[in-house]
Amino acid sequence: MTKKHSPWKNNLEFIQSLKPEYDFSSQTNPEKPNYLNLSNWAALPDKDGFHHLSPDEVPQKNNKEFDVFFIHPTGYFGKQWNSSIDNTSAAYERTGSHLATQASAFSKTCNVYAPYYRQATYYSFFDIKSNNGSNALDLAYSDIADAFSLYLTKHNHGKPFFIAGHSQGALHGQRLINEYISQTDAYKNFVAAYLIGYILPTKYFNEMYPDLSISKSAIDHKSIISWCTGIEGFSRSRAKSLFRTSDGWILEPMEQSIVCQNPFSWNQQHDWVNDPNNISIRLKSDKLSLADYHATKNTHSKLSIEAISGLDFESRISNNFLLETRGPLIDKIKRFANGGDLHNFDIPLFWGAIRNNVQIRAEAYVK
């Protein structure tokens, strides 16, 4: 009988299989993107793209009163420290899938601006014994900062705006708000940030964002919203994560007091809550398999999103500051959860709740 490896061991083997063979070097960085070139933007209001998708409404490309600057998560699993912006690559295609399942939640209310960037490879988050991973993340962030600066000067035109991102995108969003929004001129038009799927320890919040708050309601402004999703009882008691403070990179425990709201109630209470108006979505494609992280080529798959019907769930904030979920839908998808972690479902599970809240928060902002 063949001995089976534990899922954790398999996960470690997968991570190690992605380790770049060389140290980070500025001499081998991919070409720097010029954001005056519109092809370096994954999403723009007038650009056809998956950010316009909806499971229940006809997409509208009309000019809206609000913007969102969206930072996509990691879609690069290659063995270079940073990805190039290459439209023949699987990483480029995965960005499209992230626009479909994440940025689309903002497009009803907002004009979506999302840059392609030289994202740090997935292994960067596990490189805790050298500076390679943090250097790769610094390079990725430098593109985000350049794109945001150009967005403010060339595209924003004084409109109120949101910041949104998931995973690596949320990490860069944290730093962007610290360096380019908090205590700057951009603060006056900043509405709120949805920085989902990456830890934001509360002990650093006031230091990083002295003029912002942790959101406590569905209509708070000048605030930050975040959560990390798992099945009921999920724990990350021994896990640590790279985190960027105002002073530089450090390693922080994932299980501590972090910014966390329940997107079914938009507060920090610990009760189980269901939102009957929520729509959970799933990605549909004719070719693309997101589970194949070793894929390197763009398959040019046709993508769509559809509502998941007949299955609901509820959520609450656990005592260890994670967003727990339970119910028929969670029972259906938990086989895809790595040890109970629903990281890949942070936004698709709550897609409708996010879409509704962006509209409510925007309407409250102009009153």
Protein backbone atom coordinates (compact mmCIF):
# COMPACT_ATOMS: atom_id res chain seq x y z
CA MET A 1 0.00 0.00 0.00
CA THR A 2 1.32 3.42 -0.95
CA LYS A 3 1.82 5.69 2.03
CA LYS A 4 -0.20 8.88 1.75
CA HIS A 5 1.32 12.22 2.65
CA SER A 6 -0.57 14.50 5.02
CA PRO A 7 -2.16 17.59 3.42
CA TRP A 8 0.22 19.80 5.43
CA LYS A 9 3.26 17.95 4.15
CA ASN A 10 1.95 18.17 0.60
CA ASN A 11 1.44 21.90 1.07
CA LEU A 12 5.01 22.32 2.27
CA GLU A 13 6.27 20.35 -0.71
CA PHE A 14 4.23 22.52 -3.04
CA ILE A 15 5.62 25.71 -1.49
CA GLN A 16 9.19 24.44 -1.75
CA SER A 17 8.62 23.52 -5.40
CA LEU A 18 8.04 27.22 -6.12
CA LYS A 19 11.21 28.52 -4.47
CA PRO A 20 13.26 30.69 -6.88
CA GLU A 21 16.70 29.30 -7.61
CA TYR A 22 18.48 32.64 -7.24
CA ASP A 23 18.48 35.50 -4.75
CA PHE A 24 16.54 38.64 -5.55
CA SER A 25 18.56 41.07 -7.65
CA SER A 26 17.58 44.41 -9.11
CA GLN A 27 19.65 43.45 -12.16
CA THR A 28 17.15 40.76 -13.13
CA ASN A 29 13.89 42.59 -12.43
CA PRO A 30 11.22 42.50 -15.14
CA GLU A 31 10.70 45.66 -17.16
CA LYS A 32 9.11 48.48 -15.17
CA PRO A 33 5.55 49.28 -16.34
CA ASN A 34 4.65 52.73 -17.62
CA TYR A 35 1.11 53.50 -16.48
CA LEU A 36 0.66 56.16 -19.14
CA ASN A 37 0.37 53.10 -21.39
CA LEU A 38 -3.22 51.94 -20.93
CA SER A 39 -2.26 48.33 -21.68
CA ASN A 40 -0.61 48.24 -18.24
CA TRP A 41 -4.02 48.64 -16.60
CA ALA A 42 -5.99 45.45 -16.02
CA ALA A 43 -9.16 47.47 -15.49
CA LEU A 44 -10.27 50.92 -16.54
CA PRO A 45 -13.84 52.23 -16.63
CA ASP A 46 -14.05 52.29 -20.44
CA LYS A 47 -11.99 49.14 -20.97
CA ASP A 48 -13.77 45.88 -21.73
CA GLY A 49 -12.93 43.39 -19.02
CA PHE A 50 -14.08 40.93 -16.42
CA HIS A 51 -14.52 43.68 -13.81
CA HIS A 52 -17.79 44.51 -15.55
CA LEU A 53 -19.26 41.04 -14.97
CA SER A 54 -22.41 40.50 -12.90
CA PRO A 55 -24.51 37.38 -12.22
CA ASP A 56 -27.80 39.27 -12.16
CA GLU A 57 -27.57 42.69 -13.83
CA VAL A 58 -26.62 44.14 -17.20
CA PRO A 59 -23.15 45.67 -16.71
CA GLN A 60 -23.07 49.46 -16.92
CA LYS A 61 -19.94 51.26 -18.12
CA ASN A 62 -21.32 54.74 -17.60
CA ASN A 63 -19.19 57.23 -15.70
CA LYS A 64 -19.95 56.89 -11.98
CA GLU A 65 -19.58 59.32 -9.11
CA PHE A 66 -17.15 57.08 -7.20
CA ASP A 67 -13.92 55.29 -8.10
CA VAL A 68 -12.22 52.23 -6.68
CA PHE A 69 -8.49 51.61 -6.96
CA PHE A 70 -8.32 47.80 -6.90
CA ILE A 71 -5.15 45.78 -6.23
CA HIS A 72 -5.41 42.18 -7.36
CA PRO A 73 -4.02 39.27 -5.32
CA THR A 74 -1.20 36.88 -6.16
CA GLY A 75 -1.65 35.06 -9.43
CA TYR A 76 2.03 34.34 -10.04
CA PHE A 77 3.50 31.04 -8.89
CA GLY A 78 6.68 31.12 -10.98
CA LYS A 79 10.26 30.72 -9.85
CA GLN A 80 11.35 34.30 -10.44
CA TRP A 81 10.89 36.70 -7.53
CA ASN A 82 8.61 38.99 -9.54
CA SER A 83 6.41 38.41 -12.55
CA SER A 84 6.66 40.31 -15.76
CA ILE A 85 3.52 41.83 -17.24
CA ASP A 86 3.15 39.31 -20.02
CA ASN A 87 -0.20 38.76 -21.71
CA THR A 88 0.81 35.24 -22.75
CA SER A 89 1.26 34.09 -19.14
CA ALA A 90 -1.03 32.23 -16.75
CA ALA A 91 -0.42 34.98 -14.18
CA TYR A 92 -1.92 37.52 -16.59
CA GLU A 93 -4.96 35.29 -17.05
CA ARG A 94 -5.37 34.78 -13.31
CA THR A 95 -5.57 38.55 -12.92
CA GLY A 96 -8.61 38.39 -15.19
CA SER A 97 -10.20 35.79 -12.95
CA HIS A 98 -9.59 38.02 -9.93
CA LEU A 99 -11.27 40.92 -11.69
CA ALA A 100 -14.23 38.64 -12.40
CA THR A 101 -14.69 37.33 -8.85
CA GLN A 102 -13.47 40.30 -6.79
CA ALA A 103 -13.28 43.67 -8.55
CA SER A 104 -16.70 43.07 -10.11
CA ALA A 105 -18.30 43.52 -6.66
CA PHE A 106 -17.35 47.22 -6.84
CA SER A 107 -18.30 47.98 -10.43
CA LYS A 108 -21.99 48.72 -9.82
CA THR A 109 -21.10 51.80 -7.77
CA CYS A 110 -17.53 52.56 -8.82
CA ASN A 111 -15.36 53.17 -11.83
CA VAL A 112 -12.75 50.41 -11.48
CA TYR A 113 -9.05 51.18 -11.85
CA ALA A 114 -6.75 48.17 -11.43
CA PRO A 115 -3.10 48.12 -12.51
CA TYR A 116 -1.14 45.13 -13.66
CA TYR A 117 2.00 45.05 -11.55
CA ARG A 118 5.18 43.03 -11.13
CA GLN A 119 3.61 40.98 -8.38
CA ALA A 120 5.80 39.07 -5.95
CA THR A 121 5.74 35.33 -6.47
CA TYR A 122 3.70 33.24 -4.04
CA TYR A 123 6.85 31.85 -2.39
CA SER A 124 7.79 35.38 -1.22
CA PHE A 125 5.38 35.06 1.70
CA PHE A 126 7.21 31.98 2.98
CA ASP A 127 10.72 33.40 2.61
CA ILE A 128 11.28 34.36 6.24
CA LYS A 129 15.01 33.62 6.52
CA SER A 130 16.23 36.14 3.94
CA ASN A 131 15.22 39.49 2.48
CA ASN A 132 14.35 38.05 -0.92
CA GLY A 133 10.61 37.86 -0.29
CA SER A 134 10.35 41.33 1.21
CA ASN A 135 12.48 42.76 -1.60
CA ALA A 136 10.11 41.19 -4.12
CA LEU A 137 7.14 42.68 -2.28
CA ASP A 138 8.85 46.09 -2.22
CA LEU A 139 9.28 45.94 -5.99
CA ALA A 140 5.64 44.97 -6.48
CA TYR A 141 4.54 47.81 -4.21
CA SER A 142 6.64 50.33 -6.13
CA ASP A 143 4.45 49.63 -9.18
CA ILE A 144 1.27 50.04 -7.12
CA ALA A 145 2.53 53.38 -5.80
CA ASP A 146 3.38 54.57 -9.32
CA ALA A 147 -0.02 53.52 -10.64
CA PHE A 148 -1.87 55.19 -7.78
CA SER A 149 0.07 58.43 -8.21
CA LEU A 150 -0.87 58.48 -11.89
CA TYR A 151 -4.47 57.60 -11.05
CA LEU A 152 -4.70 60.62 -8.74
CA THR A 153 -3.20 63.05 -11.26
CA LYS A 154 -4.67 61.73 -14.54
CA HIS A 155 -7.86 59.81 -13.77
CA ASN A 156 -9.47 60.75 -10.47
CA HIS A 157 -10.59 64.33 -11.24
CA GLY A 158 -11.55 64.98 -7.61
CA LYS A 159 -13.95 62.07 -7.22
CA PRO A 160 -14.39 60.25 -3.91
CA PHE A 161 -12.66 56.89 -4.06
CA PHE A 162 -12.32 53.54 -2.35
CA ILE A 163 -9.23 51.34 -2.07
CA ALA A 164 -9.75 47.58 -2.37
CA GLY A 165 -7.50 44.56 -2.51
CA HIS A 166 -7.20 40.93 -1.55
CA SER A 167 -4.25 38.96 -0.14
CA GLN A 168 -1.04 40.42 -1.65
CA GLY A 169 -3.25 43.22 -2.94
CA ALA A 170 -4.50 43.94 0.58
CA LEU A 171 -0.94 44.02 1.91
CA HIS A 172 0.06 46.59 -0.70
CA GLY A 173 -3.15 48.49 0.03
CA GLN A 174 -2.23 48.78 3.70
CA ARG A 175 1.09 50.37 2.80
CA LEU A 176 -0.45 52.58 0.11
CA ILE A 177 -2.91 54.09 2.58
CA ASN A 178 -0.13 54.62 5.12
CA GLU A 179 2.15 56.40 2.63
CA TYR A 180 -0.20 58.06 0.12
CA ILE A 181 -3.55 58.70 1.84
CA SER A 182 -3.27 59.03 5.61
CA GLN A 183 -2.24 62.61 6.48
CA THR A 184 -1.99 63.63 2.80
CA ASP A 185 -4.12 65.69 0.41
CA ALA A 186 -5.68 62.48 -0.94
CA TYR A 187 -7.33 61.92 2.45
CA LYS A 188 -10.15 64.39 1.73
CA ASN A 189 -11.61 62.23 -1.09
CA PHE A 190 -10.86 58.84 0.46
CA VAL A 191 -14.06 57.01 1.46
CA ALA A 192 -12.97 53.64 2.89
CA ALA A 193 -10.80 50.62 2.17
CA TYR A 194 -11.72 46.95 1.81
CA LEU A 195 -8.37 45.24 2.50
CA ILE A 196 -9.38 41.61 2.68
CA GLY A 197 -7.45 38.41 3.28
CA TYR A 198 -4.29 39.74 4.96
CA ILE A 199 -3.63 40.43 8.62
CA LEU A 200 -3.72 44.02 9.86
CA PRO A 201 -2.76 43.88 13.57
CA THR A 202 -4.71 46.39 15.61
CA LYS A 203 -1.65 47.21 17.72
CA TYR A 204 -0.14 49.06 14.73
CA PHE A 205 -3.32 50.74 13.51
CA ASN A 206 -3.08 54.13 15.22
CA GLU A 207 0.60 54.43 14.38
CA MET A 208 0.02 53.69 10.69
CA TYR A 209 -3.31 55.50 10.28
CA PRO A 210 -3.64 58.27 12.90
CA ASP A 211 -6.49 59.97 11.02
CA LEU A 212 -8.43 56.77 10.10
CA SER A 213 -10.55 54.35 12.09
CA ILE A 214 -11.37 50.65 12.16
CA SER A 215 -14.83 50.44 10.62
CA LYS A 216 -17.60 49.54 13.08
CA SER A 217 -20.70 50.00 10.93
CA ALA A 218 -22.02 49.72 7.39
CA ILE A 219 -21.61 53.45 6.73
CA ASP A 220 -18.32 54.43 8.39
CA HIS A 221 -16.00 56.62 6.32
CA LYS A 222 -12.26 57.25 6.51
CA SER A 223 -12.07 53.67 7.74
CA ILE A 224 -10.63 50.25 6.96
CA ILE A 225 -12.51 46.97 6.60
CA SER A 226 -10.89 43.54 6.61
CA TRP A 227 -11.44 39.86 7.34
CA CYS A 228 -9.86 36.43 6.87
CA THR A 229 -12.31 33.57 6.33
CA GLY A 230 -12.33 29.97 7.56
CA ILE A 231 -14.73 27.20 8.43
CA GLU A 232 -16.12 27.01 11.95
CA GLY A 233 -13.32 26.26 14.42
CA PHE A 234 -10.52 27.23 12.01
CA SER A 235 -7.30 28.30 13.74
CA ARG A 236 -3.88 29.66 12.73
CA SER A 237 -2.29 29.54 16.18
CA ARG A 238 1.28 28.81 15.04
CA ALA A 239 1.31 30.60 11.69
CA LYS A 240 3.20 33.84 11.06
CA SER A 241 3.08 36.34 8.23
CA LEU A 242 5.22 39.10 6.78
CA PHE A 243 3.83 42.49 7.70
CA ARG A 244 4.91 45.98 6.70
CA THR A 245 4.92 48.62 9.44
CA SER A 246 5.85 52.27 9.01
CA ASP A 247 9.40 51.27 9.94
CA GLY A 248 9.83 48.26 7.67
CA TRP A 249 9.17 44.52 7.39
CA ILE A 250 8.59 42.29 10.40
CA LEU A 251 7.17 38.82 11.03
CA GLU A 252 3.87 38.80 12.90
CA PRO A 253 1.71 35.99 14.37
CA MET A 254 -1.42 35.55 12.27
CA GLU A 255 -3.53 34.78 15.31
CA GLN A 256 -3.70 38.01 17.32
CA SER A 257 -6.00 41.03 17.49
CA ILE A 258 -6.44 42.01 13.84
CA VAL A 259 -8.89 44.24 12.00
CA CYS A 260 -11.92 42.06 11.32
CA GLN A 261 -15.53 42.86 10.48
CA ASN A 262 -18.37 40.50 9.65
CA PRO A 263 -19.58 41.39 6.13
CA PHE A 264 -23.05 40.14 7.04
CA SER A 265 -23.37 42.80 9.76
CA TRP A 266 -20.44 45.19 9.08
CA ASN A 267 -19.58 45.31 12.77
CA GLN A 268 -17.23 43.48 15.14
CA GLN A 269 -19.76 41.53 17.17
CA HIS A 270 -19.37 37.79 17.68
CA ASP A 271 -22.93 36.63 16.91
CA TRP A 272 -23.75 34.25 14.06
CA VAL A 273 -25.39 36.28 11.28
CA ASN A 274 -26.97 35.48 7.92
CA ASP A 275 -27.61 38.01 5.15
CA PRO A 276 -30.61 37.01 2.99
CA ASN A 277 -29.64 39.66 0.43
CA ASN A 278 -26.14 38.28 -0.10
CA ILE A 279 -25.14 36.63 -3.36
CA SER A 280 -22.28 34.13 -3.33
CA ILE A 281 -20.69 33.60 -6.73
CA ARG A 282 -18.55 31.10 -8.55
CA LEU A 283 -16.31 31.48 -11.55
CA LYS A 284 -17.25 29.72 -14.77
CA SER A 285 -14.73 29.13 -17.53
CA ASP A 286 -14.36 26.97 -20.60
CA LYS A 287 -10.66 26.16 -20.10
CA LEU A 288 -9.08 27.76 -17.08
CA SER A 289 -8.29 25.64 -14.03
CA LEU A 290 -7.32 27.87 -11.12
CA ALA A 291 -6.20 24.82 -9.19
CA ASP A 292 -3.30 24.28 -11.59
CA TYR A 293 -0.79 26.61 -10.00
CA HIS A 294 2.04 25.19 -12.10
CA ALA A 295 0.37 26.33 -15.33
CA THR A 296 2.43 28.99 -17.12
CA LYS A 297 0.47 29.84 -20.30
CA ASN A 298 -2.58 31.99 -20.88
CA THR A 299 -5.39 29.72 -22.15
CA HIS A 300 -7.57 32.70 -23.17
CA SER A 301 -10.49 31.14 -21.37
CA LYS A 302 -13.96 32.66 -21.57
CA LEU A 303 -14.94 33.69 -18.05
CA SER A 304 -18.25 34.45 -16.40
CA ILE A 305 -19.63 34.51 -12.88
CA GLU A 306 -22.87 33.01 -11.67
CA ALA A 307 -24.81 33.17 -8.44
CA ILE A 308 -24.83 30.08 -6.24
CA SER A 309 -28.47 29.24 -5.60
CA GLY A 310 -30.14 27.03 -3.01
CA LEU A 311 -27.24 27.06 -0.55
CA ASP A 312 -26.77 29.62 2.21
CA PHE A 313 -24.48 30.06 5.21
CA GLU A 314 -23.85 32.26 8.22
CA SER A 315 -20.75 33.88 9.64
CA ARG A 316 -19.36 35.32 12.86
CA ILE A 317 -16.13 36.74 14.21
CA SER A 318 -14.41 34.13 16.36
CA ASN A 319 -12.51 34.82 19.57
CA ASN A 320 -9.25 34.51 17.60
CA PHE A 321 -10.30 37.33 15.23
CA LEU A 322 -11.09 35.15 12.22
CA LEU A 323 -14.33 35.12 10.27
CA GLU A 324 -15.91 31.72 10.88
CA THR A 325 -18.54 30.32 8.50
CA ARG A 326 -20.97 27.42 8.66
CA GLY A 327 -23.98 26.13 6.73
CA PRO A 328 -24.91 24.15 3.60
CA LEU A 329 -22.74 26.19 1.23
CA ILE A 330 -19.70 25.89 3.50
CA ASP A 331 -20.26 22.13 3.75
CA LYS A 332 -20.20 22.05 -0.04
CA ILE A 333 -16.94 23.94 -0.51
CA LYS A 334 -14.92 23.02 2.58
CA ARG A 335 -13.20 20.20 0.71
CA PHE A 336 -11.36 22.99 -1.13
CA ALA A 337 -10.24 24.59 2.15
CA ASN A 338 -6.63 24.01 3.15
CA GLY A 339 -6.99 22.88 6.77
CA GLY A 340 -10.18 24.91 7.06
CA ASP A 341 -8.80 28.09 5.47
CA LEU A 342 -11.24 29.68 3.00
CA HIS A 343 -8.79 32.33 1.82
CA ASN A 344 -9.69 31.89 -1.85
CA PHE A 345 -13.36 32.46 -0.98
CA ASP A 346 -12.88 35.64 1.09
CA ILE A 347 -14.69 37.75 -1.51
CA PRO A 348 -16.76 35.33 -3.65
CA LEU A 349 -18.67 34.09 -0.58
CA PHE A 350 -19.65 37.65 0.33
CA TRP A 351 -19.77 39.13 -3.17
CA GLY A 352 -23.34 40.44 -2.94
CA ALA A 353 -22.90 41.77 0.60
CA ILE A 354 -19.83 43.72 -0.55
CA ARG A 355 -21.62 45.09 -3.62
CA ASN A 356 -24.54 46.24 -1.49
CA ASN A 357 -22.31 47.78 1.16
CA VAL A 358 -20.19 49.74 -1.32
CA GLN A 359 -23.38 51.35 -2.59
CA ILE A 360 -24.71 52.04 0.93
CA ARG A 361 -21.36 53.45 2.09
CA ALA A 362 -21.12 55.65 -1.00
CA GLU A 363 -24.66 56.97 -0.55
CA ALA A 364 -23.98 57.77 3.12
CA TYR A 365 -20.79 59.58 2.11
CA VAL A 366 -22.60 62.15 -0.04
CA LYS A 367 -25.40 62.85 2.47
